[in-house]
Each structure stands twice: as C-alpha cells, then as structure tokens.
C-alpha atoms as a PDB file:
ATOM      1  CA  UNK A   1       6.649  26.808 -60.926  1.00  0.00           C
ATOM      2  CA  UNK A   2       3.291  26.018 -59.276  1.00  0.00           C
ATOM      3  CA  UNK A   3       2.179  29.606 -59.063  1.00  0.00           C
ATOM      4  CA  UNK A   4      -0.784  30.888 -61.110  1.00  0.00           C
ATOM      5  CA  UNK A   5      -0.186  34.010 -63.132  1.00  0.00           C
ATOM      6  CA  UNK A   6      -3.929  34.488 -63.677  1.00  0.00           C
ATOM      7  CA  UNK A   7      -5.332  37.223 -61.479  1.00  0.00           C
ATOM      8  CA  UNK A   8      -8.203  39.619 -60.964  1.00  0.00           C
ATOM      9  CA  UNK A   9      -8.010  43.391 -61.171  1.00  0.00           C
ATOM     10  CA  UNK A  10     -10.977  43.680 -58.820  1.00  0.00           C
ATOM     11  CA  UNK A  11     -12.331  41.153 -56.332  1.00  0.00           C
ATOM     12  CA  UNK A  12     -15.509  42.965 -55.322  1.00  0.00           C
ATOM     13  CA  UNK A  13     -17.728  40.556 -57.301  1.00  0.00           C
ATOM     14  CA  UNK A  14     -15.769  37.372 -56.624  1.00  0.00           C
ATOM     15  CA  UNK A  15     -18.034  36.038 -53.872  1.00  0.00           C
ATOM     16  CA  UNK A  16     -21.148  36.853 -55.915  1.00  0.00           C
ATOM     17  CA  UNK A  17     -19.690  35.069 -58.949  1.00  0.00           C
ATOM     18  CA  UNK A  18     -19.034  31.912 -56.927  1.00  0.00           C
ATOM     19  CA  UNK A  19     -22.539  32.097 -55.473  1.00  0.00           C
ATOM     20  CA  UNK A  20     -23.970  32.409 -58.982  1.00  0.00           C
ATOM     21  CA  UNK A  21     -21.909  29.440 -60.186  1.00  0.00           C
ATOM     22  CA  UNK A  22     -23.277  27.279 -57.370  1.00  0.00           C
ATOM     23  CA  UNK A  23     -26.857  28.233 -58.175  1.00  0.00           C
ATOM     24  CA  UNK A  24     -26.616  27.803 -61.950  1.00  0.00           C
ATOM     25  CA  UNK A  25     -26.559  24.741 -64.137  1.00  0.00           C
ATOM     26  CA  UNK A  26     -23.005  23.911 -65.185  1.00  0.00           C
ATOM     27  CA  UNK A  27     -22.421  24.965 -68.808  1.00  0.00           C
ATOM     28  CA  UNK A  28     -20.742  22.839 -71.454  1.00  0.00           C
ATOM     29  CA  UNK A  29     -18.155  25.599 -71.632  1.00  0.00           C
ATOM     30  CA  UNK A  30     -17.620  28.445 -69.197  1.00  0.00           C
ATOM     31  CA  UNK A  31     -17.392  31.428 -71.555  1.00  0.00           C
ATOM     32  CA  UNK A  32     -17.747  35.187 -71.241  1.00  0.00           C
ATOM     33  CA  UNK A  33     -21.261  34.774 -72.633  1.00  0.00           C
ATOM     34  CA  UNK A  34     -22.144  32.357 -69.822  1.00  0.00           C
ATOM     35  CA  UNK A  35     -20.664  34.774 -67.291  1.00  0.00           C
ATOM     36  CA  UNK A  36     -22.767  37.576 -68.758  1.00  0.00           C
ATOM     37  CA  UNK A  37     -25.864  35.363 -68.437  1.00  0.00           C
ATOM     38  CA  UNK A  38     -25.125  35.341 -64.704  1.00  0.00           C
ATOM     39  CA  UNK A  39     -25.246  39.180 -64.811  1.00  0.00           C
ATOM     40  CA  UNK A  40     -21.491  39.743 -64.643  1.00  0.00           C
ATOM     41  CA  UNK A  41     -20.780  41.845 -67.697  1.00  0.00           C
ATOM     42  CA  UNK A  42     -17.782  43.871 -66.561  1.00  0.00           C
ATOM     43  CA  UNK A  43     -14.518  43.260 -68.390  1.00  0.00           C
ATOM     44  CA  UNK A  44     -12.799  42.880 -65.012  1.00  0.00           C
ATOM     45  CA  UNK A  45     -15.188  40.049 -64.123  1.00  0.00           C
ATOM     46  CA  UNK A  46     -14.119  38.118 -67.225  1.00  0.00           C
ATOM     47  CA  UNK A  47     -10.700  37.565 -65.681  1.00  0.00           C
ATOM     48  CA  UNK A  48     -12.293  35.068 -63.298  1.00  0.00           C
ATOM     49  CA  UNK A  49     -12.322  32.534 -66.142  1.00  0.00           C
ATOM     50  CA  UNK A  50      -8.521  32.394 -66.119  1.00  0.00           C
ATOM     51  CA  UNK A  51      -8.548  32.069 -62.327  1.00  0.00           C
ATOM     52  CA  UNK A  52     -11.030  29.177 -62.521  1.00  0.00           C
ATOM     53  CA  UNK A  53      -8.739  27.426 -64.994  1.00  0.00           C
ATOM     54  CA  UNK A  54      -5.763  27.917 -62.673  1.00  0.00           C
ATOM     55  CA  UNK A  55      -7.787  26.441 -59.802  1.00  0.00           C
ATOM     56  CA  UNK A  56      -8.624  23.338 -61.816  1.00  0.00           C
ATOM     57  CA  UNK A  57     -12.345  24.140 -62.067  1.00  0.00           C
ATOM     58  CA  UNK A  58     -12.098  24.405 -65.856  1.00  0.00           C
ATOM     59  CA  UNK A  59      -9.813  22.849 -68.451  1.00  0.00           C
ATOM     60  CA  UNK A  60      -7.876  24.915 -70.973  1.00  0.00           C
ATOM     61  CA  UNK A  61     -10.930  25.045 -73.245  1.00  0.00           C
ATOM     62  CA  UNK A  62     -13.211  26.212 -70.447  1.00  0.00           C
ATOM     63  CA  UNK A  63     -15.004  22.902 -69.904  1.00  0.00           C
ATOM     64  CA  UNK A  64     -16.045  22.294 -66.264  1.00  0.00           C
ATOM     65  CA  UNK A  65     -13.974  19.615 -64.536  1.00  0.00           C
ATOM     66  CA  UNK A  66     -14.696  17.257 -61.649  1.00  0.00           C
ATOM     67  CA  UNK A  67     -13.698  19.918 -59.102  1.00  0.00           C
ATOM     68  CA  UNK A  68     -16.236  22.323 -60.591  1.00  0.00           C
ATOM     69  CA  UNK A  69     -19.031  19.808 -60.075  1.00  0.00           C
ATOM     70  CA  UNK A  70     -17.941  19.060 -56.515  1.00  0.00           C
ATOM     71  CA  UNK A  71     -17.979  22.792 -55.825  1.00  0.00           C
ATOM     72  CA  UNK A  72     -21.682  22.887 -56.723  1.00  0.00           C
ATOM     73  CA  UNK A  73     -22.419  20.946 -53.534  1.00  0.00           C
ATOM     74  CA  UNK A  74     -22.872  23.821 -51.096  1.00  0.00           C
ATOM     75  CA  UNK A  75     -22.062  21.611 -48.111  1.00  0.00           C
ATOM     76  CA  UNK A  76     -18.475  21.239 -49.321  1.00  0.00           C
ATOM     77  CA  UNK A  77     -17.887  24.097 -51.770  1.00  0.00           C
ATOM     78  CA  UNK A  78     -15.675  26.097 -49.374  1.00  0.00           C
ATOM     79  CA  UNK A  79     -13.547  23.008 -48.685  1.00  0.00           C
ATOM     80  CA  UNK A  80     -13.255  22.261 -52.406  1.00  0.00           C
ATOM     81  CA  UNK A  81     -12.079  25.831 -52.974  1.00  0.00           C
ATOM     82  CA  UNK A  82      -9.518  25.459 -50.173  1.00  0.00           C
ATOM     83  CA  UNK A  83      -8.239  22.262 -51.781  1.00  0.00           C
ATOM     84  CA  UNK A  84      -7.972  24.034 -55.145  1.00  0.00           C
ATOM     85  CA  UNK A  85      -6.081  26.997 -53.681  1.00  0.00           C
ATOM     86  CA  UNK A  86      -3.545  24.794 -51.896  1.00  0.00           C
ATOM     87  CA  UNK A  87      -2.920  22.867 -55.107  1.00  0.00           C
ATOM     88  CA  UNK A  88      -2.741  25.870 -57.438  1.00  0.00           C
ATOM     89  CA  UNK A  89      -0.462  27.849 -55.091  1.00  0.00           C
ATOM     90  CA  UNK A  90       1.512  24.813 -53.923  1.00  0.00           C
ATOM     91  CA  UNK A  91       4.874  26.620 -54.154  1.00  0.00           C
ATOM     92  CA  UNK A  92       3.575  29.262 -51.770  1.00  0.00           C
ATOM     93  CA  UNK A  93       2.344  26.575 -49.383  1.00  0.00           C
ATOM     94  CA  UNK A  94       5.738  24.882 -49.453  1.00  0.00           C
ATOM     95  CA  UNK A  95       7.147  28.066 -47.934  1.00  0.00           C
ATOM     96  CA  UNK A  96       4.350  28.393 -45.376  1.00  0.00           C
ATOM     97  CA  UNK A  97       1.723  25.710 -44.752  1.00  0.00           C
ATOM     98  CA  UNK A  98      -0.613  28.421 -43.467  1.00  0.00           C
ATOM     99  CA  UNK A  99      -0.059  30.800 -46.383  1.00  0.00           C
ATOM    100  CA  UNK A 100      -3.716  31.829 -46.353  1.00  0.00           C
ATOM    101  CA  UNK A 101      -3.183  33.426 -42.909  1.00  0.00           C
ATOM    102  CA  UNK A 102      -0.371  35.718 -44.082  1.00  0.00           C
ATOM    103  CA  UNK A 103      -0.796  39.425 -44.653  1.00  0.00           C
ATOM    104  CA  UNK A 104      -0.996  40.759 -48.186  1.00  0.00           C
ATOM    105  CA  UNK A 105       2.465  42.315 -47.826  1.00  0.00           C
ATOM    106  CA  UNK A 106       3.979  39.008 -46.700  1.00  0.00           C
ATOM    107  CA  UNK A 107       2.316  37.153 -49.559  1.00  0.00           C
ATOM    108  CA  UNK A 108       3.619  39.708 -52.060  1.00  0.00           C
ATOM    109  CA  UNK A 109       7.182  39.356 -50.752  1.00  0.00           C
ATOM    110  CA  UNK A 110       7.054  35.564 -50.934  1.00  0.00           C
ATOM    111  CA  UNK A 111       5.607  35.696 -54.448  1.00  0.00           C
ATOM    112  CA  UNK A 112       8.426  38.025 -55.438  1.00  0.00           C
ATOM    113  CA  UNK A 113      10.940  35.420 -54.281  1.00  0.00           C
ATOM    114  CA  UNK A 114       9.105  32.561 -55.997  1.00  0.00           C
ATOM    115  CA  UNK A 115       8.821  34.427 -59.292  1.00  0.00           C
ATOM    116  CA  UNK A 116      12.544  35.284 -59.146  1.00  0.00           C
ATOM    117  CA  UNK A 117      11.900  38.860 -60.167  1.00  0.00           C
ATOM    118  CA  UNK A 118      10.093  37.891 -63.368  1.00  0.00           C
ATOM    119  CA  UNK A 119       6.855  39.675 -62.415  1.00  0.00           C
ATOM    120  CA  UNK A 120       6.311  43.405 -61.991  1.00  0.00           C
ATOM    121  CA  UNK A 121       5.228  44.945 -58.693  1.00  0.00           C
ATOM    122  CA  UNK A 122       1.807  45.672 -60.179  1.00  0.00           C
ATOM    123  CA  UNK A 123       1.265  42.060 -61.230  1.00  0.00           C
ATOM    124  CA  UNK A 124       2.520  40.731 -57.891  1.00  0.00           C
ATOM    125  CA  UNK A 125       0.092  43.034 -56.121  1.00  0.00           C
ATOM    126  CA  UNK A 126      -2.826  41.722 -58.193  1.00  0.00           C
ATOM    127  CA  UNK A 127      -1.849  38.082 -57.662  1.00  0.00           C
ATOM    128  CA  UNK A 128      -1.627  38.686 -53.909  1.00  0.00           C
ATOM    129  CA  UNK A 129      -4.996  40.400 -53.893  1.00  0.00           C
ATOM    130  CA  UNK A 130      -6.555  37.535 -55.862  1.00  0.00           C
ATOM    131  CA  UNK A 131      -5.063  34.926 -53.546  1.00  0.00           C
ATOM    132  CA  UNK A 132      -6.329  36.775 -50.475  1.00  0.00           C
ATOM    133  CA  UNK A 133      -9.816  37.193 -51.903  1.00  0.00           C
ATOM    134  CA  UNK A 134     -10.033  33.496 -52.770  1.00  0.00           C
ATOM    135  CA  UNK A 135      -8.726  32.468 -49.348  1.00  0.00           C
ATOM    136  CA  UNK A 136     -11.477  34.446 -47.586  1.00  0.00           C
ATOM    137  CA  UNK A 137     -14.092  32.294 -49.325  1.00  0.00           C
ATOM    138  CA  UNK A 138     -12.367  28.966 -48.659  1.00  0.00           C
ATOM    139  CA  UNK A 139     -12.308  26.484 -45.804  1.00  0.00           C
ATOM    140  CA  UNK A 140      -8.827  25.115 -45.139  1.00  0.00           C
ATOM    141  CA  UNK A 141      -9.722  23.177 -42.022  1.00  0.00           C
ATOM    142  CA  UNK A 142     -12.224  20.826 -43.620  1.00  0.00           C
ATOM    143  CA  UNK A 143     -11.391  18.349 -46.344  1.00  0.00           C
ATOM    144  CA  UNK A 144     -13.887  17.720 -49.161  1.00  0.00           C
ATOM    145  CA  UNK A 145     -16.260  14.764 -48.816  1.00  0.00           C
ATOM    146  CA  UNK A 146     -14.265  12.664 -51.289  1.00  0.00           C
ATOM    147  CA  UNK A 147     -11.367  12.382 -48.843  1.00  0.00           C
ATOM    148  CA  UNK A 148     -13.597  11.996 -45.769  1.00  0.00           C
ATOM    149  CA  UNK A 149     -15.491   9.110 -47.338  1.00  0.00           C
ATOM    150  CA  UNK A 150     -12.378   6.946 -47.484  1.00  0.00           C
ATOM    151  CA  UNK A 151     -11.798   7.460 -43.773  1.00  0.00           C
ATOM    152  CA  UNK A 152     -15.393   6.503 -42.977  1.00  0.00           C
ATOM    153  CA  UNK A 153     -14.949   3.295 -44.919  1.00  0.00           C
ATOM    154  CA  UNK A 154     -11.830   2.522 -42.900  1.00  0.00           C
ATOM    155  CA  UNK A 155     -13.682   3.113 -39.608  1.00  0.00           C
ATOM    156  CA  UNK A 156     -16.243   0.459 -40.526  1.00  0.00           C
ATOM    157  CA  UNK A 157     -13.607  -2.258 -40.249  1.00  0.00           C
ATOM    158  CA  UNK A 158     -13.392  -4.340 -37.060  1.00  0.00           C
ATOM    159  CA  UNK A 159     -10.076  -6.101 -37.549  1.00  0.00           C
ATOM    160  CA  UNK A 160      -7.316  -5.777 -40.133  1.00  0.00           C
ATOM    161  CA  UNK A 161      -6.840  -8.784 -42.359  1.00  0.00           C
ATOM    162  CA  UNK A 162      -3.133  -9.493 -42.943  1.00  0.00           C
ATOM    163  CA  UNK A 163      -1.949 -11.166 -46.113  1.00  0.00           C
ATOM    164  CA  UNK A 164       1.641 -12.336 -46.285  1.00  0.00           C
ATOM    165  CA  UNK A 165       3.776 -12.137 -49.395  1.00  0.00           C
ATOM    166  CA  UNK A 166       7.153 -13.496 -50.307  1.00  0.00           C
ATOM    167  CA  UNK A 167       8.782 -10.315 -51.532  1.00  0.00           C
ATOM    168  CA  UNK A 168       9.418  -8.342 -48.361  1.00  0.00           C
ATOM    169  CA  UNK A 169       6.190  -6.410 -48.935  1.00  0.00           C
ATOM    170  CA  UNK A 170       3.181  -7.074 -46.710  1.00  0.00           C
ATOM    171  CA  UNK A 171      -0.389  -6.206 -47.657  1.00  0.00           C
ATOM    172  CA  UNK A 172      -3.087  -5.417 -45.089  1.00  0.00           C
ATOM    173  CA  UNK A 173      -6.761  -4.907 -45.833  1.00  0.00           C
ATOM    174  CA  UNK A 174      -8.804  -2.537 -43.690  1.00  0.00           C
ATOM    175  CA  UNK A 175     -12.449  -1.852 -44.427  1.00  0.00           C
ATOM    176  CA  UNK A 176     -12.005  -2.579 -48.129  1.00  0.00           C
ATOM    177  CA  UNK A 177      -8.839  -0.469 -48.313  1.00  0.00           C
ATOM    178  CA  UNK A 178      -5.465  -2.081 -49.002  1.00  0.00           C
ATOM    179  CA  UNK A 179      -2.189  -0.989 -47.449  1.00  0.00           C
ATOM    180  CA  UNK A 180       1.226  -2.103 -48.685  1.00  0.00           C
ATOM    181  CA  UNK A 181       3.982  -2.218 -46.081  1.00  0.00           C
ATOM    182  CA  UNK A 182       7.440  -2.212 -47.651  1.00  0.00           C
ATOM    183  CA  UNK A 183      10.442  -3.313 -45.611  1.00  0.00           C
ATOM    184  CA  UNK A 184      13.931  -2.088 -46.445  1.00  0.00           C
ATOM    185  CA  UNK A 185      16.211  -4.805 -45.101  1.00  0.00           C
ATOM    186  CA  UNK A 186      19.591  -3.951 -43.551  1.00  0.00           C
ATOM    187  CA  UNK A 187      22.773  -5.095 -45.187  1.00  0.00           C
ATOM    188  CA  UNK A 188      23.776  -8.189 -43.227  1.00  0.00           C
ATOM    189  CA  UNK A 189      24.880 -11.758 -43.924  1.00  0.00           C
ATOM    190  CA  UNK A 190      23.678 -12.975 -40.545  1.00  0.00           C
ATOM    191  CA  UNK A 191      20.438 -14.987 -41.075  1.00  0.00           C
ATOM    192  CA  UNK A 192      19.449 -14.308 -37.465  1.00  0.00           C
ATOM    193  CA  UNK A 193      18.927 -10.633 -38.316  1.00  0.00           C
ATOM    194  CA  UNK A 194      16.358 -11.484 -40.991  1.00  0.00           C
ATOM    195  CA  UNK A 195      14.693 -14.119 -38.814  1.00  0.00           C
ATOM    196  CA  UNK A 196      14.172 -11.542 -36.067  1.00  0.00           C
ATOM    197  CA  UNK A 197      12.769  -8.982 -38.516  1.00  0.00           C
ATOM    198  CA  UNK A 198      10.243 -11.311 -40.090  1.00  0.00           C
ATOM    199  CA  UNK A 199       9.234 -12.764 -36.721  1.00  0.00           C
ATOM    200  CA  UNK A 200       8.526  -9.225 -35.464  1.00  0.00           C
ATOM    201  CA  UNK A 201       6.587  -8.446 -38.636  1.00  0.00           C
ATOM    202  CA  UNK A 202       4.369 -11.502 -38.241  1.00  0.00           C
ATOM    203  CA  UNK A 203       3.671 -10.660 -34.599  1.00  0.00           C
ATOM    204  CA  UNK A 204       2.609  -7.081 -35.404  1.00  0.00           C
ATOM    205  CA  UNK A 205       0.449  -8.025 -38.388  1.00  0.00           C
ATOM    206  CA  UNK A 206      -1.447 -10.582 -36.335  1.00  0.00           C
ATOM    207  CA  UNK A 207      -2.297  -8.131 -33.559  1.00  0.00           C
END
C-alpha cells in the first residue's frame, strides 16, 4: 500500500521547518539534534523526520537524498514537494487525481477505505491533517526543473531523425532524445497487410 503511516500531531511549525531546511546546509544525517539546531525542539516537531522519510527526502537512516537537495532550490521547492506528495500518497491519487483539493473529511474517508480498517480514527485524522498541511505548501501545477529540462531539449530540435530497424521497432531521435515505436502486428497470412503497414510507417517517419 502506497500510503505513508508517518504523520504529525501538530502542523503549526511545518512551514517554518521547511523554510529552515531550505536556508540551512544539508546535514550528513537529518537527526533530532539537527532539527533542534534549527530551533525546533518540541517533541511533536521531531515527527517531521518520519514524514521526510516517507516523502523520499531522507533514506531510512536519515541521510538526505536527491529530492532533498532539489528542494533546497527555492525556485522549485514547492514543485518538488508536490512531486513527493503525489508519489508518497500514490494510492490516494489513484482514487482522485486532484486529491490535494479534497476536504479533510473526504480525505479521511478515502484513507479509511485504503487502509481497510487497519488504522484507528485518531490515526486517520492525523494522517489527513498531515497530508493537508503538506499540500498547502506544495505546487501541483508546476513540474520540477528536472522534468522541464528534457522538454526544453526536445524543443531545440528542428527535424526528427528516423532510424529504421528490422525488428518491427522503429527508433526516432529528437533533440538528443530517443523514442522507440513498437508495432504490434495483426494476425494475418496476407503479405499485403504487412506491406501496407510498413509502407505507412515509412511515410509517417519521413514526414
């Protein structure tokens, strides 16, 4: 089940914690001591470490991961957080692609279904609250720069460069990117059917 069971008991400092993370040098390990060095000494604040692990910011040992470092770029941190939320709560997003727009009550009900009654009402309430608090800080309409960069590279191309193969799979290059086009041939013993298919393929690739 792609549904984090890590949650906060209070979200009042969540935005401040993320701001502090962005403005601090990434630690070798994100520990309670590091969190306290950022002036977050409450026991409820310590729960954010588990949430960061669930979001893929930290590994199981608390070491910052690639997503953590991308988050430090303030121009894309909200988008990185949105990406992390959609991945961590993927089961919820399979039910509703706009899960972050749902009310807390709706989120709680959907989490109850996803957890198949394995979580108490109190825990479900905290998970819903945590999800909602994270969603308020995220940008779901803007993809992180890593994904946008690939599209910019594709836009730099003038013409696609087709390369034919002999296996029913065609490869096209576009701005340094490679696309494989796989053809599933129909079941037929008539050679004219295959001739027509490959003739059409050649015509489209050469456009």
